[in-house]
Amino acid sequence: MEYSQLELVRGIKNKDSGAYEYMISKYSKPVYYLAHSILSASHSKEDIEECVADVFLDAWIKIAEFNKEQASFQTWLHITGI
């Protein structure tokens, strides 16, 4: 299933596991690349992967803080993980 940004945010707010899985499948590469660019000099691949998992968990928990007027979902996801 494909989600629009609005549907994705609504799904995560409603604790829809399909929306969570979609978020991970759609955004795991960009989140991983950002984490890798920040952490690769001083952390292992496993540490980076754990960081990426934490970003998605934080997004799941903090979704009520998302404001589409301030940032796109992807930008918010990156900021949330930092």
N, C-alpha and C. Protein backbone atom coordinates (compact mmCIF):
# COMPACT_ATOMS: atom_id res chain seq x y z
N MET A 1 0.84 -1.19 0.00
CA MET A 1 0.00 0.00 0.00
C MET A 1 0.89 1.24 0.00
N GLU A 2 0.50 2.23 -0.74
CA GLU A 2 1.19 3.51 -0.82
C GLU A 2 0.44 4.51 0.08
N TYR A 3 1.19 5.29 0.82
CA TYR A 3 0.60 6.30 1.71
C TYR A 3 1.02 7.69 1.25
N SER A 4 0.08 8.63 1.26
CA SER A 4 0.46 10.03 1.11
C SER A 4 1.04 10.48 2.45
N GLN A 5 1.66 11.64 2.48
CA GLN A 5 2.21 12.14 3.74
C GLN A 5 1.12 12.24 4.79
N LEU A 6 -0.03 12.78 4.42
CA LEU A 6 -1.14 12.93 5.35
C LEU A 6 -1.62 11.58 5.86
N GLU A 7 -1.77 10.61 4.97
CA GLU A 7 -2.21 9.27 5.37
C GLU A 7 -1.18 8.60 6.27
N LEU A 8 0.10 8.80 5.96
CA LEU A 8 1.15 8.20 6.75
C LEU A 8 1.13 8.77 8.17
N VAL A 9 1.07 10.06 8.29
CA VAL A 9 1.04 10.69 9.61
C VAL A 9 -0.20 10.25 10.37
N ARG A 10 -1.34 10.25 9.72
CA ARG A 10 -2.58 9.81 10.37
C ARG A 10 -2.46 8.35 10.82
N GLY A 11 -1.90 7.51 9.95
CA GLY A 11 -1.74 6.10 10.30
C GLY A 11 -0.83 5.90 11.50
N ILE A 12 0.27 6.63 11.54
CA ILE A 12 1.19 6.50 12.67
C ILE A 12 0.52 7.02 13.94
N LYS A 13 -0.20 8.12 13.84
CA LYS A 13 -0.92 8.64 15.01
C LYS A 13 -1.92 7.62 15.53
N ASN A 14 -2.51 6.85 14.62
CA ASN A 14 -3.49 5.82 15.01
C ASN A 14 -2.83 4.49 15.34
N LYS A 15 -1.49 4.48 15.38
CA LYS A 15 -0.70 3.29 15.72
C LYS A 15 -0.98 2.13 14.77
N ASP A 16 -1.10 2.47 13.49
CA ASP A 16 -1.30 1.49 12.43
C ASP A 16 0.05 0.87 12.07
N SER A 17 0.21 -0.42 12.29
CA SER A 17 1.49 -1.06 12.03
C SER A 17 1.85 -1.03 10.55
N GLY A 18 0.85 -1.02 9.67
CA GLY A 18 1.12 -0.91 8.23
C GLY A 18 1.77 0.42 7.89
N ALA A 19 1.32 1.48 8.53
CA ALA A 19 1.92 2.80 8.32
C ALA A 19 3.36 2.82 8.84
N TYR A 20 3.58 2.17 9.98
CA TYR A 20 4.93 2.10 10.55
C TYR A 20 5.87 1.35 9.60
N GLU A 21 5.42 0.23 9.08
CA GLU A 21 6.22 -0.55 8.14
C GLU A 21 6.49 0.24 6.86
N TYR A 22 5.49 0.97 6.39
CA TYR A 22 5.66 1.79 5.20
C TYR A 22 6.70 2.89 5.46
N MET A 23 6.62 3.53 6.62
CA MET A 23 7.58 4.57 6.97
C MET A 23 9.00 4.02 6.91
N ILE A 24 9.19 2.86 7.48
CA ILE A 24 10.52 2.26 7.50
C ILE A 24 10.98 1.93 6.08
N SER A 25 10.10 1.33 5.28
CA SER A 25 10.50 0.95 3.92
C SER A 25 10.79 2.18 3.05
N LYS A 26 10.04 3.24 3.23
CA LYS A 26 10.22 4.43 2.41
C LYS A 26 11.41 5.28 2.85
N TYR A 27 11.66 5.37 4.13
CA TYR A 27 12.64 6.32 4.64
C TYR A 27 13.90 5.70 5.24
N SER A 28 14.02 4.39 5.23
CA SER A 28 15.19 3.78 5.88
C SER A 28 16.50 4.16 5.19
N LYS A 29 16.52 4.21 3.86
CA LYS A 29 17.77 4.56 3.17
C LYS A 29 18.20 5.99 3.47
N PRO A 30 17.32 7.00 3.32
CA PRO A 30 17.79 8.35 3.62
C PRO A 30 18.20 8.55 5.08
N VAL A 31 17.48 7.90 5.99
CA VAL A 31 17.83 8.02 7.41
C VAL A 31 19.18 7.34 7.66
N TYR A 32 19.37 6.17 7.04
CA TYR A 32 20.65 5.47 7.20
C TYR A 32 21.80 6.31 6.64
N TYR A 33 21.62 6.88 5.46
CA TYR A 33 22.69 7.69 4.86
C TYR A 33 23.05 8.88 5.74
N LEU A 34 22.05 9.53 6.31
CA LEU A 34 22.32 10.66 7.20
C LEU A 34 23.06 10.19 8.45
N ALA A 35 22.58 9.13 9.07
CA ALA A 35 23.24 8.61 10.27
C ALA A 35 24.67 8.17 9.95
N HIS A 36 24.84 7.52 8.81
CA HIS A 36 26.17 7.07 8.41
C HIS A 36 27.11 8.25 8.22
N SER A 37 26.61 9.31 7.58
CA SER A 37 27.47 10.47 7.33
C SER A 37 27.88 11.16 8.63
N ILE A 38 27.04 11.08 9.63
CA ILE A 38 27.35 11.72 10.91
C ILE A 38 28.21 10.82 11.80
N LEU A 39 27.92 9.51 11.79
CA LEU A 39 28.51 8.61 12.78
C LEU A 39 29.64 7.70 12.29
N SER A 40 29.83 7.59 10.99
CA SER A 40 30.73 6.56 10.47
C SER A 40 32.17 6.68 10.95
N ALA A 41 32.63 7.86 11.22
CA ALA A 41 34.02 8.03 11.64
C ALA A 41 34.29 7.46 13.03
N SER A 42 33.25 7.39 13.85
CA SER A 42 33.48 7.00 15.24
C SER A 42 32.61 5.85 15.73
N HIS A 43 31.75 5.31 14.87
CA HIS A 43 30.83 4.26 15.32
C HIS A 43 30.81 3.11 14.32
N SER A 44 30.43 1.94 14.82
CA SER A 44 30.36 0.75 13.99
C SER A 44 29.07 0.74 13.17
N LYS A 45 29.03 -0.13 12.18
CA LYS A 45 27.83 -0.30 11.35
C LYS A 45 26.64 -0.68 12.23
N GLU A 46 26.87 -1.52 13.22
CA GLU A 46 25.79 -1.94 14.13
C GLU A 46 25.26 -0.76 14.93
N ASP A 47 26.15 0.13 15.36
CA ASP A 47 25.73 1.32 16.08
C ASP A 47 24.87 2.22 15.19
N ILE A 48 25.26 2.36 13.95
CA ILE A 48 24.52 3.19 13.00
C ILE A 48 23.15 2.57 12.76
N GLU A 49 23.08 1.27 12.58
CA GLU A 49 21.79 0.60 12.37
C GLU A 49 20.89 0.75 13.60
N GLU A 50 21.48 0.69 14.78
CA GLU A 50 20.69 0.90 16.00
C GLU A 50 20.16 2.33 16.07
N CYS A 51 20.98 3.27 15.66
CA CYS A 51 20.56 4.67 15.61
C CYS A 51 19.36 4.83 14.67
N VAL A 52 19.43 4.20 13.51
CA VAL A 52 18.34 4.28 12.53
C VAL A 52 17.06 3.69 13.13
N ALA A 53 17.17 2.55 13.79
CA ALA A 53 16.00 1.95 14.43
C ALA A 53 15.42 2.89 15.49
N ASP A 54 16.30 3.56 16.22
CA ASP A 54 15.84 4.51 17.23
C ASP A 54 15.10 5.70 16.61
N VAL A 55 15.55 6.13 15.45
CA VAL A 55 14.87 7.25 14.76
C VAL A 55 13.42 6.87 14.47
N PHE A 56 13.20 5.67 13.97
CA PHE A 56 11.84 5.26 13.65
C PHE A 56 10.99 5.05 14.90
N LEU A 57 11.59 4.53 15.93
CA LEU A 57 10.86 4.39 17.19
C LEU A 57 10.49 5.76 17.75
N ASP A 58 11.44 6.70 17.71
CA ASP A 58 11.15 8.06 18.18
C ASP A 58 10.03 8.70 17.37
N ALA A 59 10.04 8.49 16.06
CA ALA A 59 8.97 9.05 15.23
C ALA A 59 7.62 8.46 15.61
N TRP A 60 7.60 7.17 15.88
CA TRP A 60 6.36 6.48 16.30
C TRP A 60 5.84 7.09 17.60
N ILE A 61 6.75 7.36 18.52
CA ILE A 61 6.38 7.88 19.83
C ILE A 61 6.05 9.37 19.78
N LYS A 62 6.79 10.14 18.98
CA LYS A 62 6.67 11.60 18.97
C LYS A 62 5.83 12.15 17.82
N ILE A 63 5.07 11.32 17.15
CA ILE A 63 4.33 11.75 15.96
C ILE A 63 3.41 12.93 16.24
N ALA A 64 2.92 13.07 17.44
CA ALA A 64 2.03 14.20 17.76
C ALA A 64 2.76 15.54 17.61
N GLU A 65 4.09 15.52 17.64
CA GLU A 65 4.87 16.75 17.50
C GLU A 65 5.04 17.18 16.05
N PHE A 66 4.69 16.31 15.10
CA PHE A 66 4.85 16.65 13.69
C PHE A 66 3.88 17.76 13.31
N ASN A 67 4.42 18.78 12.62
CA ASN A 67 3.61 19.90 12.14
C ASN A 67 3.94 20.11 10.67
N LYS A 68 3.00 19.79 9.80
CA LYS A 68 3.26 19.89 8.36
C LYS A 68 3.52 21.32 7.91
N GLU A 69 3.18 22.29 8.73
CA GLU A 69 3.43 23.69 8.39
C GLU A 69 4.90 24.06 8.62
N GLN A 70 5.60 23.27 9.42
CA GLN A 70 6.99 23.58 9.75
C GLN A 70 7.99 22.80 8.92
N ALA A 71 7.62 21.59 8.50
CA ALA A 71 8.57 20.76 7.75
C ALA A 71 7.83 19.62 7.06
N SER A 72 8.48 19.07 6.04
CA SER A 72 7.94 17.85 5.43
C SER A 72 8.15 16.71 6.42
N PHE A 73 7.47 15.61 6.20
CA PHE A 73 7.62 14.47 7.09
C PHE A 73 9.06 13.98 7.10
N GLN A 74 9.68 13.89 5.94
CA GLN A 74 11.05 13.40 5.87
C GLN A 74 12.01 14.31 6.64
N THR A 75 11.85 15.61 6.50
CA THR A 75 12.70 16.54 7.23
C THR A 75 12.47 16.38 8.73
N TRP A 76 11.23 16.31 9.13
CA TRP A 76 10.90 16.13 10.55
C TRP A 76 11.50 14.82 11.07
N LEU A 77 11.43 13.78 10.28
CA LEU A 77 11.98 12.48 10.67
C LEU A 77 13.49 12.60 10.92
N HIS A 78 14.18 13.30 10.04
CA HIS A 78 15.62 13.48 10.22
C HIS A 78 15.91 14.30 11.49
N ILE A 79 15.16 15.34 11.70
CA ILE A 79 15.37 16.20 12.87
C ILE A 79 15.01 15.47 14.16
N THR A 80 13.97 14.69 14.12
CA THR A 80 13.53 13.94 15.31
C THR A 80 14.62 12.97 15.77
N GLY A 81 15.34 12.40 14.81
CA GLY A 81 16.34 11.42 15.15
C GLY A 81 17.62 11.99 15.72
N ILE A 82 17.79 13.26 15.60
CA ILE A 82 19.07 13.87 16.03
C ILE A 82 19.03 14.15 17.53
